[in-house]
């Protein structure tokens, strides 16, 4: 019986996509890390917690003091094979602001591939075509092709701002889909 369930689940993952990360009652947050602008002298602060509904809550305060201006969360994943899957699907509830989704195809690379997305204050599904994710390092675009790799080894969400501001985004899941 377990073997049949495993085959069905494998087929569903191949057909529908891959769950990269899902916040739920089994979630532990220790694999996630917070990277704020304090690494460069800034004063932004943030946390990643679980709410009563078991959603990830990335919240904090972006400060522009000392040339700061960003907060982020990052997760190194097991190597994920992209194959024929073409999009990242986020299920989130943002505060109405703009956030950035980030991936790395290789943890040894110094840069990430990024995509900015708007939130509307309600639960929504954000669909991000991998081919629209642009290479970036420290907020600067790079003269490299957009994402065209077959693996993902790291994911993250970043909040940046040019003014002092609070932010909050609830995250249900991050998936790789067709």
Protein backbone atom coordinates (compact mmCIF):
# COMPACT_ATOMS: atom_id res chain seq x y z
CA UNK A 1 0.00 0.00 0.00
CA UNK A 2 2.80 2.44 0.89
CA UNK A 3 4.56 1.63 -2.40
CA UNK A 4 1.40 2.48 -4.40
CA UNK A 5 1.01 5.77 -2.51
CA UNK A 6 4.66 6.63 -3.27
CA UNK A 7 4.10 5.98 -6.99
CA UNK A 8 0.97 8.17 -6.98
CA UNK A 9 2.76 10.99 -5.12
CA UNK A 10 5.73 10.77 -7.50
CA UNK A 11 3.40 10.94 -10.50
CA UNK A 12 1.59 13.95 -9.00
CA UNK A 13 4.92 15.75 -8.44
CA UNK A 14 6.04 15.07 -12.02
CA UNK A 15 2.71 16.15 -13.44
CA UNK A 16 2.01 19.20 -11.26
CA UNK A 17 5.40 20.33 -10.01
CA UNK A 18 7.64 20.20 -6.99
CA UNK A 19 6.99 21.65 -3.57
CA UNK A 20 10.19 23.52 -2.78
CA UNK A 21 9.00 24.58 0.65
CA UNK A 22 5.67 24.55 2.44
CA UNK A 23 5.05 26.11 5.83
CA UNK A 24 2.86 23.83 7.99
CA UNK A 25 2.59 22.28 11.45
CA UNK A 26 5.76 20.21 10.80
CA UNK A 27 7.81 23.27 9.85
CA UNK A 28 11.02 24.03 11.66
CA UNK A 29 12.69 27.31 10.80
CA UNK A 30 16.30 26.53 11.69
CA UNK A 31 17.35 25.89 8.06
CA UNK A 32 16.25 29.41 7.10
CA UNK A 33 18.67 32.26 7.69
CA UNK A 34 18.08 35.98 7.95
CA UNK A 35 20.44 38.27 6.05
CA UNK A 36 19.88 41.96 6.68
CA UNK A 37 21.88 45.00 5.63
CA UNK A 38 23.76 44.84 8.96
CA UNK A 39 26.32 42.75 7.03
CA UNK A 40 27.19 46.06 5.31
CA UNK A 41 26.72 48.40 8.29
CA UNK A 42 22.95 48.96 7.97
CA UNK A 43 20.39 48.81 10.76
CA UNK A 44 17.43 46.89 9.26
CA UNK A 45 15.85 44.15 11.35
CA UNK A 46 13.62 41.18 10.51
CA UNK A 47 12.25 37.90 11.79
CA UNK A 48 10.85 34.71 10.34
CA UNK A 49 8.18 33.08 12.51
CA UNK A 50 5.09 30.89 12.19
CA UNK A 51 1.62 32.31 12.84
CA UNK A 52 -1.33 30.40 14.35
CA UNK A 53 -2.29 29.08 10.88
CA UNK A 54 1.26 27.76 10.35
CA UNK A 55 2.15 30.34 7.67
CA UNK A 56 5.69 31.65 7.49
CA UNK A 57 5.72 35.31 8.56
CA UNK A 58 8.66 37.36 7.28
CA UNK A 59 8.38 40.78 8.92
CA UNK A 60 10.57 43.61 10.03
CA UNK A 61 11.78 47.13 9.56
CA UNK A 62 13.93 48.34 6.67
CA UNK A 63 16.18 51.18 7.77
CA UNK A 64 18.14 53.36 5.37
CA UNK A 65 20.55 54.46 8.14
CA UNK A 66 24.23 53.85 7.37
CA UNK A 67 23.40 53.23 3.69
CA UNK A 68 21.17 50.28 4.58
CA UNK A 69 17.90 49.36 2.99
CA UNK A 70 17.18 45.61 2.88
CA UNK A 71 16.13 42.54 4.84
CA UNK A 72 16.00 39.00 3.50
CA UNK A 73 15.43 35.36 4.30
CA UNK A 74 17.32 32.57 2.55
CA UNK A 75 17.14 28.80 2.43
CA UNK A 76 19.70 26.47 0.93
CA UNK A 77 17.73 23.59 -0.55
CA UNK A 78 18.71 20.14 -1.59
CA UNK A 79 19.59 20.27 -5.28
CA UNK A 80 16.29 20.61 -7.18
CA UNK A 81 16.18 19.52 -10.83
CA UNK A 82 14.12 21.95 -12.91
CA UNK A 83 13.58 19.60 -15.88
CA UNK A 84 10.48 20.66 -17.84
CA UNK A 85 9.15 22.87 -15.04
CA UNK A 86 9.16 26.53 -15.97
CA UNK A 87 7.73 28.66 -13.15
CA UNK A 88 7.98 29.40 -9.47
CA UNK A 89 4.59 29.67 -7.79
CA UNK A 90 4.39 31.57 -4.51
CA UNK A 91 1.29 31.51 -2.33
CA UNK A 92 1.62 34.65 -0.21
CA UNK A 93 -0.21 37.46 1.54
CA UNK A 94 1.88 40.61 1.41
CA UNK A 95 1.33 44.02 2.93
CA UNK A 96 0.65 45.69 -0.43
CA UNK A 97 4.34 46.39 -1.04
CA UNK A 98 6.93 45.09 -3.48
CA UNK A 99 9.10 42.11 -2.59
CA UNK A 100 11.80 40.22 -4.46
CA UNK A 101 12.03 36.46 -4.95
CA UNK A 102 15.59 35.14 -5.34
CA UNK A 103 17.12 31.85 -6.45
CA UNK A 104 20.60 30.47 -7.03
CA UNK A 105 21.30 27.61 -9.35
CA UNK A 106 24.55 26.93 -7.51
CA UNK A 107 25.36 27.95 -3.93
CA UNK A 108 28.94 28.71 -4.94
CA UNK A 109 27.85 31.55 -7.27
CA UNK A 110 28.23 35.05 -5.87
CA UNK A 111 25.05 36.32 -7.54
CA UNK A 112 21.35 35.43 -7.47
CA UNK A 113 18.56 35.47 -10.03
CA UNK A 114 15.84 37.89 -8.95
CA UNK A 115 12.25 38.80 -9.72
CA UNK A 116 10.31 41.69 -8.13
CA UNK A 117 6.63 41.14 -7.41
CA UNK A 118 3.83 43.32 -6.10
CA UNK A 119 1.50 42.19 -3.34
CA UNK A 120 -2.10 43.34 -2.91
CA UNK A 121 -2.78 42.75 0.79
CA UNK A 122 -4.78 39.54 0.15
CA UNK A 123 -3.81 35.91 -0.30
CA UNK A 124 -2.62 35.51 -3.87
CA UNK A 125 -0.63 33.24 -6.15
CA UNK A 126 2.41 34.86 -7.72
CA UNK A 127 3.62 33.07 -10.85
CA UNK A 128 7.24 33.76 -11.81
CA UNK A 129 8.60 32.49 -15.15
CA UNK A 130 12.14 31.24 -14.49
CA UNK A 131 13.30 32.79 -17.77
CA UNK A 132 12.32 36.24 -16.45
CA UNK A 133 14.57 35.95 -13.40
CA UNK A 134 17.53 38.30 -13.92
CA UNK A 135 21.05 37.94 -12.51
CA UNK A 136 21.85 40.45 -9.78
CA UNK A 137 24.56 41.10 -7.20
CA UNK A 138 24.10 43.56 -4.32
CA UNK A 139 21.17 45.21 -6.09
CA UNK A 140 23.01 45.63 -9.40
CA UNK A 141 22.00 43.94 -12.65
CA UNK A 142 24.69 41.82 -14.27
CA UNK A 143 25.49 41.41 -17.96
CA UNK A 144 24.62 37.70 -17.89
CA UNK A 145 21.71 35.73 -19.39
CA UNK A 146 18.49 35.31 -17.41
CA UNK A 147 18.02 32.05 -15.53
CA UNK A 148 18.51 29.11 -17.92
CA UNK A 149 19.85 26.38 -15.62
CA UNK A 150 18.60 22.92 -14.71
CA UNK A 151 19.06 23.14 -10.95
CA UNK A 152 18.08 25.31 -8.00
CA UNK A 153 20.07 25.19 -4.75
CA UNK A 154 18.87 28.26 -2.88
CA UNK A 155 15.71 30.37 -2.53
CA UNK A 156 14.94 33.59 -0.75
CA UNK A 157 12.69 36.60 -0.33
CA UNK A 158 14.04 40.12 0.02
CA UNK A 159 12.45 43.41 1.03
CA UNK A 160 14.27 46.57 0.04
CA UNK A 161 13.32 50.20 0.39
CA UNK A 162 14.73 53.68 -0.11
CA UNK A 163 12.76 54.96 2.92
CA UNK A 164 12.46 53.67 6.48
CA UNK A 165 9.51 51.30 6.49
CA UNK A 166 7.90 48.31 8.19
CA UNK A 167 7.03 45.24 6.11
CA UNK A 168 5.27 41.91 6.44
CA UNK A 169 4.59 38.99 4.12
CA UNK A 170 2.89 35.69 4.99
CA UNK A 171 4.11 32.69 3.02
CA UNK A 172 2.18 29.44 2.59
CA UNK A 173 4.28 27.69 -0.04
CA UNK A 174 6.95 27.98 -2.73
CA UNK A 175 6.57 25.57 -5.66
CA UNK A 176 8.22 24.77 -8.98
CA UNK A 177 5.52 24.22 -11.65
CA UNK A 178 4.92 23.86 -15.38
